[in-house]
């Protein structure tokens, strides 16, 4: 917002959910697909 001519770049070193779910992509996907009422805290 302040430096309009700037460019933003980010390196993805990790996703927090990968460690939390021990790398389970299928569990991650199931969380995304669940209805809001079906997700636990």
ModelCIF file with pLDDT and N, C-alpha, C, O atoms, coordinates in Angstrom:
data_MODEL
#
_entry.id   MODEL 
#
_entity.id                         1 
_entity.type                       polymer 
_entity.pdbx_number_of_molecules   1 
#
_entity_poly.entity_id                      1 
_entity_poly.type                           'polypeptide(L)' 
_entity_poly.nstd_linkage                   no 
_entity_poly.nstd_monomer                   no 
_entity_poly.pdbx_seq_one_letter_code       
;(UNK)(UNK)(UNK)(UNK)(UNK)(UNK)(UNK)(UNK)(UNK)(UNK)(UNK)(UNK)(UNK)(UNK)(UNK)(UNK)
(UNK)(UNK)(UNK)(UNK)(UNK)(UNK)(UNK)(UNK)(UNK)(UNK)(UNK)(UNK)(UNK)(UNK)(UNK)(UNK)
(UNK)(UNK)(UNK)(UNK)(UNK)(UNK)(UNK)(UNK)(UNK)
;
_entity_poly.pdbx_seq_one_letter_code_can   XXXXXXXXXXXXXXXXXXXXXXXXXXXXXXXXXXXXXXXXX 
_entity_poly.pdbx_strand_id                 A 
#
loop_
_entity_poly_seq.entity_id 
_entity_poly_seq.num 
_entity_poly_seq.mon_id 
_entity_poly_seq.hetero 
1 1  UNK n 
1 2  UNK n 
1 3  UNK n 
1 4  UNK n 
1 5  UNK n 
1 6  UNK n 
1 7  UNK n 
1 8  UNK n 
1 9  UNK n 
1 10 UNK n 
1 11 UNK n 
1 12 UNK n 
1 13 UNK n 
1 14 UNK n 
1 15 UNK n 
1 16 UNK n 
1 17 UNK n 
1 18 UNK n 
1 19 UNK n 
1 20 UNK n 
1 21 UNK n 
1 22 UNK n 
1 23 UNK n 
1 24 UNK n 
1 25 UNK n 
1 26 UNK n 
1 27 UNK n 
1 28 UNK n 
1 29 UNK n 
1 30 UNK n 
1 31 UNK n 
1 32 UNK n 
1 33 UNK n 
1 34 UNK n 
1 35 UNK n 
1 36 UNK n 
1 37 UNK n 
1 38 UNK n 
1 39 UNK n 
1 40 UNK n 
1 41 UNK n 
#
_struct_asym.id          A 
_struct_asym.entity_id   1 
#
loop_
_ma_qa_metric.id 
_ma_qa_metric.mode 
_ma_qa_metric.name 
_ma_qa_metric.software_group_id 
_ma_qa_metric.type 
1 global pLDDT . pLDDT 
2 local  pLDDT . pLDDT 
#
_ma_qa_metric_global.metric_id      1 
_ma_qa_metric_global.metric_value   93.49 
_ma_qa_metric_global.model_id       1 
_ma_qa_metric_global.ordinal_id     1 
#
loop_
_ma_qa_metric_local.label_asym_id 
_ma_qa_metric_local.label_comp_id 
_ma_qa_metric_local.label_seq_id 
_ma_qa_metric_local.metric_id 
_ma_qa_metric_local.metric_value 
_ma_qa_metric_local.model_id 
_ma_qa_metric_local.ordinal_id 
A UNK 1  2 91.00 1 1  
A UNK 2  2 92.00 1 2  
A UNK 3  2 92.00 1 3  
A UNK 4  2 87.00 1 4  
A UNK 5  2 88.00 1 5  
A UNK 6  2 93.00 1 6  
A UNK 7  2 95.00 1 7  
A UNK 8  2 97.00 1 8  
A UNK 9  2 97.00 1 9  
A UNK 10 2 98.00 1 10 
A UNK 11 2 97.00 1 11 
A UNK 12 2 96.00 1 12 
A UNK 13 2 95.00 1 13 
A UNK 14 2 91.00 1 14 
A UNK 15 2 94.00 1 15 
A UNK 16 2 93.00 1 16 
A UNK 17 2 95.00 1 17 
A UNK 18 2 92.00 1 18 
A UNK 19 2 88.00 1 19 
A UNK 20 2 92.00 1 20 
A UNK 21 2 93.00 1 21 
A UNK 22 2 90.00 1 22 
A UNK 23 2 90.00 1 23 
A UNK 24 2 93.00 1 24 
A UNK 25 2 93.00 1 25 
A UNK 26 2 92.00 1 26 
A UNK 27 2 94.00 1 27 
A UNK 28 2 95.00 1 28 
A UNK 29 2 94.00 1 29 
A UNK 30 2 94.00 1 30 
A UNK 31 2 96.00 1 31 
A UNK 32 2 96.00 1 32 
A UNK 33 2 95.00 1 33 
A UNK 34 2 94.00 1 34 
A UNK 35 2 94.00 1 35 
A UNK 36 2 93.00 1 36 
A UNK 37 2 93.00 1 37 
A UNK 38 2 95.00 1 38 
A UNK 39 2 95.00 1 39 
A UNK 40 2 95.00 1 40 
A UNK 41 2 96.00 1 41 
#
loop_
_atom_site.group_PDB 
_atom_site.id 
_atom_site.type_symbol 
_atom_site.label_atom_id 
_atom_site.label_alt_id 
_atom_site.label_comp_id 
_atom_site.label_asym_id 
_atom_site.label_entity_id 
_atom_site.label_seq_id 
_atom_site.pdbx_PDB_ins_code 
_atom_site.Cartn_x 
_atom_site.Cartn_y 
_atom_site.Cartn_z 
_atom_site.occupancy 
_atom_site.B_iso_or_equiv 
_atom_site.pdbx_formal_charge 
_atom_site.auth_seq_id 
_atom_site.auth_comp_id 
_atom_site.auth_asym_id 
_atom_site.auth_atom_id 
_atom_site.pdbx_PDB_model_num 
ATOM 1   N N  . UNK A 1 1  ? 0.823   -1.211  0.000  1.00 91.00 ? 1  UNK A N  1 
ATOM 2   C CA . UNK A 1 1  ? 0.000   0.000   0.000  1.00 91.00 ? 1  UNK A CA 1 
ATOM 3   C C  . UNK A 1 1  ? 0.855   1.259   0.000  1.00 91.00 ? 1  UNK A C  1 
ATOM 4   O O  . UNK A 1 1  ? 0.498   2.262   -0.617 1.00 91.00 ? 1  UNK A O  1 
ATOM 5   N N  . UNK A 1 2  ? 1.992   1.200   0.699  1.00 92.00 ? 2  UNK A N  1 
ATOM 6   C CA . UNK A 1 2  ? 2.851   2.378   0.820  1.00 92.00 ? 2  UNK A CA 1 
ATOM 7   C C  . UNK A 1 2  ? 3.788   2.522   -0.389 1.00 92.00 ? 2  UNK A C  1 
ATOM 8   O O  . UNK A 1 2  ? 4.011   3.628   -0.881 1.00 92.00 ? 2  UNK A O  1 
ATOM 9   N N  . UNK A 1 3  ? 4.330   1.399   -0.857 1.00 92.00 ? 3  UNK A N  1 
ATOM 10  C CA . UNK A 1 3  ? 5.312   1.433   -1.948 1.00 92.00 ? 3  UNK A CA 1 
ATOM 11  C C  . UNK A 1 3  ? 4.696   0.770   -3.178 1.00 92.00 ? 3  UNK A C  1 
ATOM 12  O O  . UNK A 1 3  ? 4.829   -0.436  -3.383 1.00 92.00 ? 3  UNK A O  1 
ATOM 13  N N  . UNK A 1 4  ? 4.034   1.562   -3.973 1.00 87.00 ? 4  UNK A N  1 
ATOM 14  C CA . UNK A 1 4  ? 3.225   1.056   -5.088 1.00 87.00 ? 4  UNK A CA 1 
ATOM 15  C C  . UNK A 1 4  ? 4.056   0.342   -6.150 1.00 87.00 ? 4  UNK A C  1 
ATOM 16  O O  . UNK A 1 4  ? 3.559   -0.557  -6.828 1.00 87.00 ? 4  UNK A O  1 
ATOM 17  N N  . UNK A 1 5  ? 5.314   0.738   -6.295 1.00 88.00 ? 5  UNK A N  1 
ATOM 18  C CA . UNK A 1 5  ? 6.165   0.138   -7.334 1.00 88.00 ? 5  UNK A CA 1 
ATOM 19  C C  . UNK A 1 5  ? 6.828   -1.162  -6.879 1.00 88.00 ? 5  UNK A C  1 
ATOM 20  O O  . UNK A 1 5  ? 7.592   -1.770  -7.628 1.00 88.00 ? 5  UNK A O  1 
ATOM 21  N N  . UNK A 1 6  ? 6.536   -1.579  -5.664 1.00 93.00 ? 6  UNK A N  1 
ATOM 22  C CA . UNK A 1 6  ? 7.194   -2.766  -5.118 1.00 93.00 ? 6  UNK A CA 1 
ATOM 23  C C  . UNK A 1 6  ? 6.557   -4.056  -5.633 1.00 93.00 ? 6  UNK A C  1 
ATOM 24  O O  . UNK A 1 6  ? 5.429   -4.069  -6.126 1.00 93.00 ? 6  UNK A O  1 
ATOM 25  N N  . UNK A 1 7  ? 7.316   -5.128  -5.500 1.00 95.00 ? 7  UNK A N  1 
ATOM 26  C CA . UNK A 1 7  ? 6.837   -6.472  -5.819 1.00 95.00 ? 7  UNK A CA 1 
ATOM 27  C C  . UNK A 1 7  ? 6.963   -7.337  -4.572 1.00 95.00 ? 7  UNK A C  1 
ATOM 28  O O  . UNK A 1 7  ? 7.932   -7.231  -3.819 1.00 95.00 ? 7  UNK A O  1 
ATOM 29  N N  . UNK A 1 8  ? 5.965   -8.195  -4.368 1.00 97.00 ? 8  UNK A N  1 
ATOM 30  C CA . UNK A 1 8  ? 5.936   -9.086  -3.199 1.00 97.00 ? 8  UNK A CA 1 
ATOM 31  C C  . UNK A 1 8  ? 6.142   -10.518 -3.656 1.00 97.00 ? 8  UNK A C  1 
ATOM 32  O O  . UNK A 1 8  ? 5.469   -11.004 -4.565 1.00 97.00 ? 8  UNK A O  1 
ATOM 33  N N  . UNK A 1 9  ? 7.078   -11.176 -3.012 1.00 97.00 ? 9  UNK A N  1 
ATOM 34  C CA . UNK A 1 9  ? 7.348   -12.584 -3.314 1.00 97.00 ? 9  UNK A CA 1 
ATOM 35  C C  . UNK A 1 9  ? 7.430   -13.343 -1.992 1.00 97.00 ? 9  UNK A C  1 
ATOM 36  O O  . UNK A 1 9  ? 7.907   -12.804 -0.994 1.00 97.00 ? 9  UNK A O  1 
ATOM 37  N N  . UNK A 1 10 ? 6.970   -14.581 -1.986 1.00 98.00 ? 10 UNK A N  1 
ATOM 38  C CA . UNK A 1 10 ? 7.039   -15.390 -0.763 1.00 98.00 ? 10 UNK A CA 1 
ATOM 39  C C  . UNK A 1 10 ? 7.491   -16.798 -1.119 1.00 98.00 ? 10 UNK A C  1 
ATOM 40  O O  . UNK A 1 10 ? 7.072   -17.369 -2.125 1.00 98.00 ? 10 UNK A O  1 
ATOM 41  N N  . UNK A 1 11 ? 8.347   -17.337 -0.278 1.00 97.00 ? 11 UNK A N  1 
ATOM 42  C CA . UNK A 1 11 ? 8.756   -18.736 -0.408 1.00 97.00 ? 11 UNK A CA 1 
ATOM 43  C C  . UNK A 1 11 ? 7.964   -19.565 0.597  1.00 97.00 ? 11 UNK A C  1 
ATOM 44  O O  . UNK A 1 11 ? 7.933   -19.248 1.787  1.00 97.00 ? 11 UNK A O  1 
ATOM 45  N N  . UNK A 1 12 ? 7.327   -20.627 0.112  1.00 96.00 ? 12 UNK A N  1 
ATOM 46  C CA . UNK A 1 12 ? 6.556   -21.523 0.985  1.00 96.00 ? 12 UNK A CA 1 
ATOM 47  C C  . UNK A 1 12 ? 7.491   -22.597 1.536  1.00 96.00 ? 12 UNK A C  1 
ATOM 48  O O  . UNK A 1 12 ? 7.864   -23.532 0.827  1.00 96.00 ? 12 UNK A O  1 
ATOM 49  N N  . UNK A 1 13 ? 7.863   -22.455 2.800  1.00 95.00 ? 13 UNK A N  1 
ATOM 50  C CA . UNK A 1 13 ? 8.725   -23.450 3.449  1.00 95.00 ? 13 UNK A CA 1 
ATOM 51  C C  . UNK A 1 13 ? 7.906   -24.544 4.127  1.00 95.00 ? 13 UNK A C  1 
ATOM 52  O O  . UNK A 1 13 ? 8.385   -25.663 4.313  1.00 95.00 ? 13 UNK A O  1 
ATOM 53  N N  . UNK A 1 14 ? 6.691   -24.219 4.488  1.00 91.00 ? 14 UNK A N  1 
ATOM 54  C CA . UNK A 1 14 ? 5.820   -25.204 5.145  1.00 91.00 ? 14 UNK A CA 1 
ATOM 55  C C  . UNK A 1 14 ? 4.402   -24.655 5.216  1.00 91.00 ? 14 UNK A C  1 
ATOM 56  O O  . UNK A 1 14 ? 4.187   -23.444 5.159  1.00 91.00 ? 14 UNK A O  1 
ATOM 57  N N  . UNK A 1 15 ? 3.446   -25.556 5.340  1.00 94.00 ? 15 UNK A N  1 
ATOM 58  C CA . UNK A 1 15 ? 2.085   -25.219 5.748  1.00 94.00 ? 15 UNK A CA 1 
ATOM 59  C C  . UNK A 1 15 ? 1.910   -25.775 7.155  1.00 94.00 ? 15 UNK A C  1 
ATOM 60  O O  . UNK A 1 15 ? 2.298   -26.914 7.417  1.00 94.00 ? 15 UNK A O  1 
ATOM 61  N N  . UNK A 1 16 ? 1.342   -25.005 8.053  1.00 93.00 ? 16 UNK A N  1 
ATOM 62  C CA . UNK A 1 16 ? 1.169   -25.487 9.433  1.00 93.00 ? 16 UNK A CA 1 
ATOM 63  C C  . UNK A 1 16 ? 0.369   -26.778 9.496  1.00 93.00 ? 16 UNK A C  1 
ATOM 64  O O  . UNK A 1 16 ? 0.663   -27.660 10.304 1.00 93.00 ? 16 UNK A O  1 
ATOM 65  N N  . UNK A 1 17 ? -0.651  -26.888 8.636  1.00 95.00 ? 17 UNK A N  1 
ATOM 66  C CA . UNK A 1 17 ? -1.503  -28.072 8.704  1.00 95.00 ? 17 UNK A CA 1 
ATOM 67  C C  . UNK A 1 17 ? -0.733  -29.347 8.352  1.00 95.00 ? 17 UNK A C  1 
ATOM 68  O O  . UNK A 1 17 ? -1.102  -30.432 8.801  1.00 95.00 ? 17 UNK A O  1 
ATOM 69  N N  . UNK A 1 18 ? 0.321   -29.228 7.561  1.00 92.00 ? 18 UNK A N  1 
ATOM 70  C CA . UNK A 1 18 ? 1.101   -30.421 7.189  1.00 92.00 ? 18 UNK A CA 1 
ATOM 71  C C  . UNK A 1 18 ? 1.718   -31.080 8.419  1.00 92.00 ? 18 UNK A C  1 
ATOM 72  O O  . UNK A 1 18 ? 1.692   -32.302 8.563  1.00 92.00 ? 18 UNK A O  1 
ATOM 73  N N  . UNK A 1 19 ? 2.266   -30.258 9.293  1.00 88.00 ? 19 UNK A N  1 
ATOM 74  C CA . UNK A 1 19 ? 2.845   -30.807 10.524 1.00 88.00 ? 19 UNK A CA 1 
ATOM 75  C C  . UNK A 1 19 ? 1.760   -31.287 11.474 1.00 88.00 ? 19 UNK A C  1 
ATOM 76  O O  . UNK A 1 19 ? 1.862   -32.365 12.060 1.00 88.00 ? 19 UNK A O  1 
ATOM 77  N N  . UNK A 1 20 ? 0.716   -30.470 11.617 1.00 92.00 ? 20 UNK A N  1 
ATOM 78  C CA . UNK A 1 20 ? -0.370  -30.804 12.547 1.00 92.00 ? 20 UNK A CA 1 
ATOM 79  C C  . UNK A 1 20 ? -1.049  -32.110 12.172 1.00 92.00 ? 20 UNK A C  1 
ATOM 80  O O  . UNK A 1 20 ? -1.390  -32.910 13.044 1.00 92.00 ? 20 UNK A O  1 
ATOM 81  N N  . UNK A 1 21 ? -1.247  -32.330 10.869 1.00 93.00 ? 21 UNK A N  1 
ATOM 82  C CA . UNK A 1 21 ? -1.932  -33.533 10.384 1.00 93.00 ? 21 UNK A CA 1 
ATOM 83  C C  . UNK A 1 21 ? -0.962  -34.607 9.934  1.00 93.00 ? 21 UNK A C  1 
ATOM 84  O O  . UNK A 1 21 ? -1.359  -35.562 9.266  1.00 93.00 ? 21 UNK A O  1 
ATOM 85  N N  . UNK A 1 22 ? 0.311   -34.462 10.294 1.00 90.00 ? 22 UNK A N  1 
ATOM 86  C CA . UNK A 1 22 ? 1.358   -35.409 9.908  1.00 90.00 ? 22 UNK A CA 1 
ATOM 87  C C  . UNK A 1 22 ? 1.349   -35.677 8.401  1.00 90.00 ? 22 UNK A C  1 
ATOM 88  O O  . UNK A 1 22 ? 1.499   -36.813 7.950  1.00 90.00 ? 22 UNK A O  1 
ATOM 89  N N  . UNK A 1 23 ? 1.170   -34.600 7.643  1.00 90.00 ? 23 UNK A N  1 
ATOM 90  C CA . UNK A 1 23 ? 1.263   -34.704 6.196  1.00 90.00 ? 23 UNK A CA 1 
ATOM 91  C C  . UNK A 1 23 ? 0.085   -35.339 5.500  1.00 90.00 ? 23 UNK A C  1 
ATOM 92  O O  . UNK A 1 23 ? 0.178   -35.659 4.315  1.00 90.00 ? 23 UNK A O  1 
ATOM 93  N N  . UNK A 1 24 ? -1.026  -35.532 6.198  1.00 93.00 ? 24 UNK A N  1 
ATOM 94  C CA . UNK A 1 24 ? -2.177  -36.203 5.603  1.00 93.00 ? 24 UNK A CA 1 
ATOM 95  C C  . UNK A 1 24 ? -2.976  -35.242 4.720  1.00 93.00 ? 24 UNK A C  1 
ATOM 96  O O  . UNK A 1 24 ? -3.742  -34.417 5.219  1.00 93.00 ? 24 UNK A O  1 
ATOM 97  N N  . UNK A 1 25 ? -2.790  -35.358 3.418  1.00 93.00 ? 25 UNK A N  1 
ATOM 98  C CA . UNK A 1 25 ? -3.524  -34.510 2.475  1.00 93.00 ? 25 UNK A CA 1 
ATOM 99  C C  . UNK A 1 25 ? -5.000  -34.903 2.458  1.00 93.00 ? 25 UNK A C  1 
ATOM 100 O O  . UNK A 1 25 ? -5.864  -34.037 2.318  1.00 93.00 ? 25 UNK A O  1 
ATOM 101 N N  . UNK A 1 26 ? -5.301  -36.191 2.596  1.00 92.00 ? 26 UNK A N  1 
ATOM 102 C CA . UNK A 1 26 ? -6.696  -36.640 2.557  1.00 92.00 ? 26 UNK A CA 1 
ATOM 103 C C  . UNK A 1 26 ? -7.485  -36.071 3.735  1.00 92.00 ? 26 UNK A C  1 
ATOM 104 O O  . UNK A 1 26 ? -8.640  -35.676 3.576  1.00 92.00 ? 26 UNK A O  1 
ATOM 105 N N  . UNK A 1 27 ? -6.862  -36.028 4.924  1.00 94.00 ? 27 UNK A N  1 
ATOM 106 C CA . UNK A 1 27 ? -7.542  -35.441 6.087  1.00 94.00 ? 27 UNK A CA 1 
ATOM 107 C C  . UNK A 1 27 ? -7.742  -33.945 5.873  1.00 94.00 ? 27 UNK A C  1 
ATOM 108 O O  . UNK A 1 27 ? -8.803  -33.403 6.183  1.00 94.00 ? 27 UNK A O  1 
ATOM 109 N N  . UNK A 1 28 ? -6.728  -33.290 5.346  1.00 95.00 ? 28 UNK A N  1 
ATOM 110 C CA . UNK A 1 28 ? -6.826  -31.859 5.055  1.00 95.00 ? 28 UNK A CA 1 
ATOM 111 C C  . UNK A 1 28 ? -7.997  -31.588 4.107  1.00 95.00 ? 28 UNK A C  1 
ATOM 112 O O  . UNK A 1 28 ? -8.796  -30.679 4.336  1.00 95.00 ? 28 UNK A O  1 
ATOM 113 N N  . UNK A 1 29 ? -8.086  -32.380 3.050  1.00 94.00 ? 29 UNK A N  1 
ATOM 114 C CA . UNK A 1 29 ? -9.180  -32.210 2.082  1.00 94.00 ? 29 UNK A CA 1 
ATOM 115 C C  . UNK A 1 29 ? -10.540 -32.446 2.728  1.00 94.00 ? 29 UNK A C  1 
ATOM 116 O O  . UNK A 1 29 ? -11.496 -31.721 2.450  1.00 94.00 ? 29 UNK A O  1 
ATOM 117 N N  . UNK A 1 30 ? -10.630 -33.453 3.588  1.00 94.00 ? 30 UNK A N  1 
ATOM 118 C CA . UNK A 1 30 ? -11.912 -33.747 4.231  1.00 94.00 ? 30 UNK A CA 1 
ATOM 119 C C  . UNK A 1 30 ? -12.363 -32.583 5.115  1.00 94.00 ? 30 UNK A C  1 
ATOM 120 O O  . UNK A 1 30 ? -13.558 -32.313 5.235  1.00 94.00 ? 30 UNK A O  1 
ATOM 121 N N  . UNK A 1 31 ? -11.396 -31.895 5.736  1.00 96.00 ? 31 UNK A N  1 
ATOM 122 C CA . UNK A 1 31 ? -11.725 -30.718 6.554  1.00 96.00 ? 31 UNK A CA 1 
ATOM 123 C C  . UNK A 1 31 ? -12.297 -29.606 5.683  1.00 96.00 ? 31 UNK A C  1 
ATOM 124 O O  . UNK A 1 31 ? -13.264 -28.946 6.063  1.00 96.00 ? 31 UNK A O  1 
ATOM 125 N N  . UNK A 1 32 ? -11.693 -29.401 4.512  1.00 96.00 ? 32 UNK A N  1 
ATOM 126 C CA . UNK A 1 32 ? -12.165 -28.352 3.607  1.00 96.00 ? 32 UNK A CA 1 
ATOM 127 C C  . UNK A 1 32 ? -13.571 -28.653 3.095  1.00 96.00 ? 32 UNK A C  1 
ATOM 128 O O  . UNK A 1 32 ? -14.377 -27.741 2.912  1.00 96.00 ? 32 UNK A O  1 
ATOM 129 N N  . UNK A 1 33 ? -13.862 -29.924 2.866  1.00 95.00 ? 33 UNK A N  1 
ATOM 130 C CA . UNK A 1 33 ? -15.142 -30.306 2.251  1.00 95.00 ? 33 UNK A CA 1 
ATOM 131 C C  . UNK A 1 33 ? -16.285 -30.403 3.256  1.00 95.00 ? 33 UNK A C  1 
ATOM 132 O O  . UNK A 1 33 ? -17.454 -30.395 2.871  1.00 95.00 ? 33 UNK A O  1 
ATOM 133 N N  . UNK A 1 34 ? -15.950 -30.493 4.542  1.00 94.00 ? 34 UNK A N  1 
ATOM 134 C CA . UNK A 1 34 ? -16.991 -30.648 5.554  1.00 94.00 ? 34 UNK A CA 1 
ATOM 135 C C  . UNK A 1 34 ? -17.848 -29.392 5.669  1.00 94.00 ? 34 UNK A C  1 
ATOM 136 O O  . UNK A 1 34 ? -17.390 -28.276 5.426  1.00 94.00 ? 34 UNK A O  1 
ATOM 137 N N  . UNK A 1 35 ? -19.093 -29.607 6.044  1.00 94.00 ? 35 UNK A N  1 
ATOM 138 C CA . UNK A 1 35 ? -19.955 -28.485 6.390  1.00 94.00 ? 35 UNK A CA 1 
ATOM 139 C C  . UNK A 1 35 ? -19.451 -27.869 7.689  1.00 94.00 ? 35 UNK A C  1 
ATOM 140 O O  . UNK A 1 35 ? -18.875 -28.566 8.525  1.00 94.00 ? 35 UNK A O  1 
ATOM 141 N N  . UNK A 1 36 ? -19.663 -26.573 7.861  1.00 93.00 ? 36 UNK A N  1 
ATOM 142 C CA . UNK A 1 36 ? -19.152 -25.865 9.021  1.00 93.00 ? 36 UNK A CA 1 
ATOM 143 C C  . UNK A 1 36 ? -19.593 -26.521 10.331 1.00 93.00 ? 36 UNK A C  1 
ATOM 144 O O  . UNK A 1 36 ? -18.837 -26.520 11.303 1.00 93.00 ? 36 UNK A O  1 
ATOM 145 N N  . UNK A 1 37 ? -20.811 -27.082 10.369 1.00 93.00 ? 37 UNK A N  1 
ATOM 146 C CA . UNK A 1 37 ? -21.319 -27.703 11.583 1.00 93.00 ? 37 UNK A CA 1 
ATOM 147 C C  . UNK A 1 37 ? -20.674 -29.056 11.868 1.00 93.00 ? 37 UNK A C  1 
ATOM 148 O O  . UNK A 1 37 ? -20.751 -29.564 12.987 1.00 93.00 ? 37 UNK A O  1 
ATOM 149 N N  . UNK A 1 38 ? -20.039 -29.634 10.854 1.00 95.00 ? 38 UNK A N  1 
ATOM 150 C CA . UNK A 1 38 ? -19.430 -30.955 11.020 1.00 95.00 ? 38 UNK A CA 1 
ATOM 151 C C  . UNK A 1 38 ? -18.000 -30.887 11.561 1.00 95.00 ? 38 UNK A C  1 
ATOM 152 O O  . UNK A 1 38 ? -17.471 -31.890 12.041 1.00 95.00 ? 38 UNK A O  1 
ATOM 153 N N  . UNK A 1 39 ? -17.379 -29.716 11.486 1.00 95.00 ? 39 UNK A N  1 
ATOM 154 C CA . UNK A 1 39 ? -15.997 -29.584 11.937 1.00 95.00 ? 39 UNK A CA 1 
ATOM 155 C C  . UNK A 1 39 ? -15.934 -29.405 13.452 1.00 95.00 ? 39 UNK A C  1 
ATOM 156 O O  . UNK A 1 39 ? -16.678 -28.611 14.028 1.00 95.00 ? 39 UNK A O  1 
ATOM 157 N N  . UNK A 1 40 ? -15.024 -30.165 14.092 1.00 95.00 ? 40 UNK A N  1 
ATOM 158 C CA . UNK A 1 40 ? -14.781 -29.938 15.512 1.00 95.00 ? 40 UNK A CA 1 
ATOM 159 C C  . UNK A 1 40 ? -13.867 -28.714 15.659 1.00 95.00 ? 40 UNK A C  1 
ATOM 160 O O  . UNK A 1 40 ? -13.450 -28.138 14.655 1.00 95.00 ? 40 UNK A O  1 
ATOM 161 N N  . UNK A 1 41 ? -13.557 -28.318 16.877 1.00 96.00 ? 41 UNK A N  1 
ATOM 162 C CA . UNK A 1 41 ? -12.776 -27.094 17.101 1.00 96.00 ? 41 UNK A CA 1 
ATOM 163 C C  . UNK A 1 41 ? -11.377 -27.194 16.491 1.00 96.00 ? 41 UNK A C  1 
ATOM 164 O O  . UNK A 1 41 ? -10.592 -26.251 16.589 1.00 96.00 ? 41 UNK A O  1 
#
